[in-house]
Amino acid sequence: MSLAIRTRRDRKKRPRYVDHGSPSLMLQMLTIFILRSHGENIIVVWVGRDTAATKFYVDADLAIQHSEFFSAALKDGSKEAEERTVRLPDLDEGMAAAFEDFHSFLSSGKVTSGETDESAKYDAEKGSEEWDRLVDSWILGNVLVSGSFKDAVVDAMVHKTLTNSVPIDIHMDLYQNSSDSAPIRKLVVDIAVHIWYEEDIATLDPDDEPKLQAKFLRDVAVAFHKVKQLSKAEQAKDPIESSEGGCHYHEHGADKPCYKTMFG
């Protein structure tokens, strides 16, 4: 199955707890047999292309539960279901770190920063790398059609917004890979309105993806106008802070459960 994403950044590969290379089919099948003999419905997922791909062993039942992409890929009779292997060659190798977040989420129900808040708080480079990873993870969730994973990533972003600085270009890839009505856009607009200073917005380059910047700045202007209509007391409230622990920026509607109810 083919996947496509659009990103601007050059990513660094940061894989952990994964295998590399292309082992023989017999070795791969033996590994799957051993895992399945212990009651695990395991598939192999390759992220990336050729020798640069990263291999993950994934619980198929959980992947199907949390991803419409995997649900379709592993339907009865499909090549992927028969081979117990799903290949994602259209994801660049830097997305292996994002898939690691997805892999961990399937069993834990959580998405956390790879660095502790304290270690990244005073290190701009570390903080930026962690934001890059969270943005990549949200984009991956969009590609895999996993609303539960995206909502978990958004919760991690909300927490990080309240504990760390936010890169001034946080909106670029998220706007480029989301629809006009996506709640993630509301989050980045609220970051601009309630977190950034005037000089932060002034540093935005209108010539960098001008159509995208125009959409973002339009949304920010509308949000500012709405805030002006509120009372002084309401204006002082930070919607991002008050959203922590809730579903304000989640994609699931009233007819679907929050991911937090799916994990014990």
Protein backbone atom coordinates (compact mmCIF):
# COMPACT_ATOMS: atom_id res chain seq x y z
CA MET A 1 0.00 0.00 0.00
CA SER A 2 1.25 3.46 -0.83
CA LEU A 3 1.60 6.31 1.63
CA ALA A 4 2.55 9.90 1.03
CA ILE A 5 3.37 12.78 3.36
CA ARG A 6 4.70 16.27 2.82
CA THR A 7 7.33 17.66 5.15
CA ARG A 8 9.94 20.39 5.00
CA ARG A 9 12.49 19.21 7.50
CA ASP A 10 15.56 17.06 7.04
CA ARG A 11 15.18 14.52 9.80
CA LYS A 12 17.82 12.60 11.73
CA LYS A 13 17.18 8.92 12.30
CA ARG A 14 16.80 8.16 16.00
CA PRO A 15 15.74 4.48 16.15
CA ARG A 16 15.65 2.54 19.42
CA TYR A 17 14.56 -1.01 20.27
CA VAL A 18 14.33 -1.90 16.59
CA ASP A 19 16.23 -4.08 14.12
CA HIS A 20 17.93 -2.96 10.93
CA GLY A 21 18.83 -4.63 7.70
CA SER A 22 17.01 -7.27 5.65
CA PRO A 23 17.23 -10.70 7.32
CA SER A 24 16.48 -13.85 5.38
CA LEU A 25 12.84 -14.75 4.92
CA MET A 26 13.39 -17.97 6.89
CA LEU A 27 14.82 -16.09 9.89
CA GLN A 28 12.00 -13.56 9.73
CA MET A 29 9.34 -16.27 9.61
CA LEU A 30 11.04 -18.17 12.44
CA THR A 31 10.94 -15.06 14.62
CA ILE A 32 7.25 -14.55 13.89
CA PHE A 33 6.55 -18.25 14.58
CA ILE A 34 8.20 -18.02 18.00
CA LEU A 35 6.25 -14.89 18.90
CA ARG A 36 2.96 -16.35 17.67
CA SER A 37 3.60 -19.58 19.58
CA HIS A 38 3.37 -17.46 22.73
CA GLY A 39 -0.10 -16.30 21.75
CA GLU A 40 0.96 -13.09 20.02
CA ASN A 41 -0.59 -12.08 16.69
CA ILE A 42 2.57 -10.44 15.42
CA ILE A 43 3.35 -8.80 12.10
CA VAL A 44 6.54 -7.25 10.79
CA VAL A 45 6.41 -3.60 9.72
CA TRP A 46 9.22 -2.12 7.66
CA VAL A 47 9.48 1.69 7.80
CA GLY A 48 11.59 3.20 5.04
CA ARG A 49 13.07 1.92 1.83
CA ASP A 50 15.51 -0.92 1.09
CA THR A 51 18.51 -1.23 3.43
CA ALA A 52 17.63 2.03 5.19
CA ALA A 53 14.34 0.55 6.42
CA THR A 54 13.72 -0.07 10.11
CA LYS A 55 11.91 -3.21 11.26
CA PHE A 56 9.27 -3.34 13.99
CA TYR A 57 7.42 -6.30 15.43
CA VAL A 58 3.85 -5.11 15.94
CA ASP A 59 0.78 -6.63 17.57
CA ALA A 60 -1.58 -6.91 14.59
CA ASP A 61 -4.75 -6.83 16.68
CA LEU A 62 -3.75 -3.55 18.32
CA ALA A 63 -2.60 -2.04 15.01
CA ILE A 64 -5.97 -2.91 13.44
CA GLN A 65 -7.84 -1.50 16.45
CA HIS A 66 -6.07 1.84 16.33
CA SER A 67 -5.38 2.33 12.61
CA GLU A 68 -7.75 2.23 9.65
CA PHE A 69 -4.69 1.86 7.42
CA PHE A 70 -3.61 -1.38 9.11
CA SER A 71 -7.20 -2.57 9.22
CA ALA A 72 -7.37 -2.27 5.44
CA ALA A 73 -3.87 -3.60 4.82
CA LEU A 74 -4.40 -6.73 6.92
CA LYS A 75 -7.86 -7.68 5.70
CA ASP A 76 -8.38 -11.38 4.97
CA GLY A 77 -6.84 -12.46 1.69
CA SER A 78 -4.47 -9.52 1.34
CA LYS A 79 -0.81 -10.04 0.52
CA GLU A 80 0.18 -8.31 3.76
CA ALA A 81 -2.06 -10.60 5.81
CA GLU A 82 -0.65 -13.71 4.13
CA GLU A 83 2.99 -12.65 4.53
CA ARG A 84 2.43 -11.12 7.98
CA THR A 85 4.44 -8.15 6.72
CA VAL A 86 3.57 -4.54 5.97
CA ARG A 87 6.04 -2.32 4.17
CA LEU A 88 5.95 1.47 4.36
CA PRO A 89 8.62 2.51 1.82
CA ASP A 90 7.10 5.95 1.24
CA LEU A 91 7.91 6.99 4.81
CA ASP A 92 11.42 8.40 4.97
CA GLU A 93 13.84 6.85 7.42
CA GLY A 94 13.43 9.72 9.87
CA MET A 95 9.84 8.64 10.43
CA ALA A 96 11.11 5.49 12.19
CA ALA A 97 11.28 7.54 15.40
CA ALA A 98 7.64 8.54 14.92
CA PHE A 99 6.65 4.93 14.26
CA GLU A 100 8.43 3.99 17.45
CA ASP A 101 6.05 6.35 19.25
CA PHE A 102 3.10 4.65 17.54
CA HIS A 103 4.50 1.21 18.42
CA SER A 104 4.83 2.20 22.07
CA PHE A 105 1.39 3.80 22.10
CA LEU A 106 -0.28 0.56 21.01
CA SER A 107 0.67 -1.11 24.28
CA SER A 108 0.84 1.83 26.69
CA GLY A 109 -1.79 4.27 25.45
CA LYS A 110 0.69 7.09 25.95
CA VAL A 111 2.99 9.31 23.91
CA THR A 112 5.82 10.94 25.79
CA SER A 113 8.82 13.03 24.90
CA GLY A 114 12.06 11.17 24.30
CA GLU A 115 13.82 13.70 26.51
CA THR A 116 12.65 14.60 30.00
CA ASP A 117 11.11 18.03 30.32
CA GLU A 118 13.93 19.19 32.58
CA SER A 119 16.65 18.13 30.13
CA ALA A 120 14.99 19.85 27.19
CA LYS A 121 13.63 22.93 28.97
CA TYR A 122 16.91 24.85 28.89
CA ASP A 123 18.31 23.31 25.70
CA ALA A 124 16.80 24.88 22.58
CA GLU A 125 18.23 22.23 20.26
CA LYS A 126 16.88 19.33 22.32
CA GLY A 127 13.54 21.02 22.70
CA SER A 128 13.29 21.60 18.97
CA GLU A 129 14.17 17.97 18.21
CA GLU A 130 11.44 16.78 20.53
CA TRP A 131 8.91 19.07 18.88
CA ASP A 132 10.01 17.73 15.49
CA ARG A 133 9.39 14.22 16.73
CA LEU A 134 5.92 15.03 18.06
CA VAL A 135 4.99 16.77 14.80
CA ASP A 136 6.25 13.76 12.83
CA SER A 137 4.22 11.46 15.08
CA TRP A 138 1.04 13.46 14.47
CA ILE A 139 1.66 13.36 10.72
CA LEU A 140 2.27 9.61 10.92
CA GLY A 141 -1.02 9.20 12.78
CA ASN A 142 -2.71 11.10 9.97
CA VAL A 143 -1.13 8.81 7.37
CA LEU A 144 -2.09 5.67 9.32
CA VAL A 145 -5.59 7.08 9.90
CA SER A 146 -5.21 6.63 13.65
CA GLY A 147 -7.34 9.16 15.48
CA SER A 148 -6.51 7.65 18.87
CA PHE A 149 -2.77 7.99 18.29
CA LYS A 150 -3.11 11.55 17.00
CA ASP A 151 -5.12 12.51 20.08
CA ALA A 152 -2.42 11.03 22.32
CA VAL A 153 0.23 13.00 20.42
CA VAL A 154 -1.84 16.18 20.84
CA ASP A 155 -2.00 15.58 24.59
CA ALA A 156 1.79 15.28 24.64
CA MET A 157 2.01 18.54 22.67
CA VAL A 158 -0.31 20.30 25.12
CA HIS A 159 1.81 19.17 28.06
CA LYS A 160 5.01 20.21 26.28
CA THR A 161 3.52 23.62 25.44
CA LEU A 162 2.98 24.23 29.14
CA THR A 163 6.50 23.17 30.13
CA ASN A 164 8.74 24.15 27.19
CA SER A 165 9.11 26.85 24.56
CA VAL A 166 7.38 26.23 21.23
CA PRO A 167 9.25 26.56 17.89
CA ILE A 168 8.04 29.50 15.84
CA ASP A 169 7.48 27.26 12.79
CA ILE A 170 5.44 24.62 14.65
CA HIS A 171 2.45 25.30 12.41
CA MET A 172 4.16 24.73 9.06
CA ASP A 173 4.17 20.94 8.71
CA LEU A 174 0.96 20.56 10.72
CA TYR A 175 -0.97 22.94 8.45
CA GLN A 176 0.54 21.33 5.37
CA ASN A 177 -0.63 17.87 6.44
CA SER A 178 -4.06 18.63 7.92
CA SER A 179 -7.50 19.70 6.79
CA ASP A 180 -9.02 23.12 7.49
CA SER A 181 -11.22 21.67 10.24
CA ALA A 182 -8.53 19.60 11.97
CA PRO A 183 -8.37 20.29 15.74
CA ILE A 184 -4.57 20.35 15.55
CA ARG A 185 -4.89 23.67 13.71
CA LYS A 186 -6.89 25.08 16.59
CA LEU A 187 -4.08 24.08 18.95
CA VAL A 188 -1.32 25.80 16.96
CA VAL A 189 -3.51 28.89 16.50
CA ASP A 190 -4.13 28.99 20.25
CA ILE A 191 -0.37 28.69 20.77
CA ALA A 192 0.11 31.78 18.58
CA VAL A 193 -2.66 33.72 20.33
CA HIS A 194 -2.01 32.75 23.94
CA ILE A 195 1.67 31.70 24.11
CA TRP A 196 3.64 33.68 21.55
CA TYR A 197 4.64 37.33 21.91
CA GLU A 198 4.10 40.03 19.32
CA GLU A 199 7.72 39.80 18.20
CA ASP A 200 7.37 36.03 17.67
CA ILE A 201 4.60 36.51 15.13
CA ALA A 202 6.53 39.36 13.53
CA THR A 203 9.41 36.96 12.74
CA LEU A 204 7.23 34.74 10.52
CA ASP A 205 8.48 34.83 6.92
CA PRO A 206 5.55 35.52 4.54
CA ASP A 207 7.65 34.25 1.62
CA ASP A 208 8.08 30.81 3.22
CA GLU A 209 5.14 28.80 1.87
CA PRO A 210 3.10 32.01 1.35
CA LYS A 211 -0.29 30.34 0.85
CA LEU A 212 0.16 28.24 3.97
CA GLN A 213 1.35 31.22 6.00
CA ALA A 214 -1.63 33.23 4.78
CA LYS A 215 -4.05 30.53 5.99
CA PHE A 216 -2.35 30.35 9.35
CA LEU A 217 -2.25 34.12 9.86
CA ARG A 218 -5.89 34.39 8.78
CA ASP A 219 -6.85 31.85 11.43
CA VAL A 220 -4.75 33.68 14.03
CA ALA A 221 -6.41 36.99 13.15
CA VAL A 222 -9.89 35.47 13.47
CA ALA A 223 -8.93 33.92 16.82
CA PHE A 224 -7.59 37.26 18.09
CA HIS A 225 -10.86 38.95 17.08
CA LYS A 226 -12.88 36.32 18.97
CA VAL A 227 -10.76 36.83 22.09
CA LYS A 228 -11.39 40.59 21.90
CA GLN A 229 -15.12 39.92 22.23
CA LEU A 230 -14.63 38.16 25.57
CA SER A 231 -14.72 39.72 29.00
CA LYS A 232 -11.41 40.61 30.67
CA ALA A 233 -11.75 37.59 32.93
CA GLU A 234 -12.33 35.27 29.98
CA GLN A 235 -9.46 36.80 28.02
CA ALA A 236 -7.10 35.99 30.88
CA LYS A 237 -7.88 32.29 30.66
CA ASP A 238 -5.46 30.06 28.73
CA PRO A 239 -7.47 27.47 26.73
CA ILE A 240 -4.38 25.31 26.33
CA GLU A 241 -3.75 25.08 30.06
CA SER A 242 -7.42 24.42 30.81
CA SER A 243 -7.53 21.71 28.12
CA GLU A 244 -4.88 19.52 29.77
CA GLY A 245 -6.44 16.20 30.69
CA GLY A 246 -9.48 16.86 28.52
CA CYS A 247 -10.47 16.34 24.89
CA HIS A 248 -10.57 19.95 23.66
CA TYR A 249 -8.10 19.36 20.81
CA HIS A 250 -9.05 15.73 20.12
CA GLU A 251 -10.45 14.47 16.83
CA HIS A 252 -12.92 11.92 18.18
CA GLY A 253 -16.51 13.07 18.24
CA ALA A 254 -19.26 12.36 20.73
CA ASP A 255 -19.93 9.05 18.98
CA LYS A 256 -16.41 7.70 19.55
CA PRO A 257 -14.57 7.00 22.80
CA CYS A 258 -11.45 8.88 23.84
CA TYR A 259 -8.31 6.81 23.53
CA LYS A 260 -7.79 7.13 27.29
CA THR A 261 -10.82 4.89 27.88
CA MET A 262 -9.30 2.14 25.71
CA PHE A 263 -6.38 1.39 27.99
CA GLY A 264 -6.59 -0.04 31.50
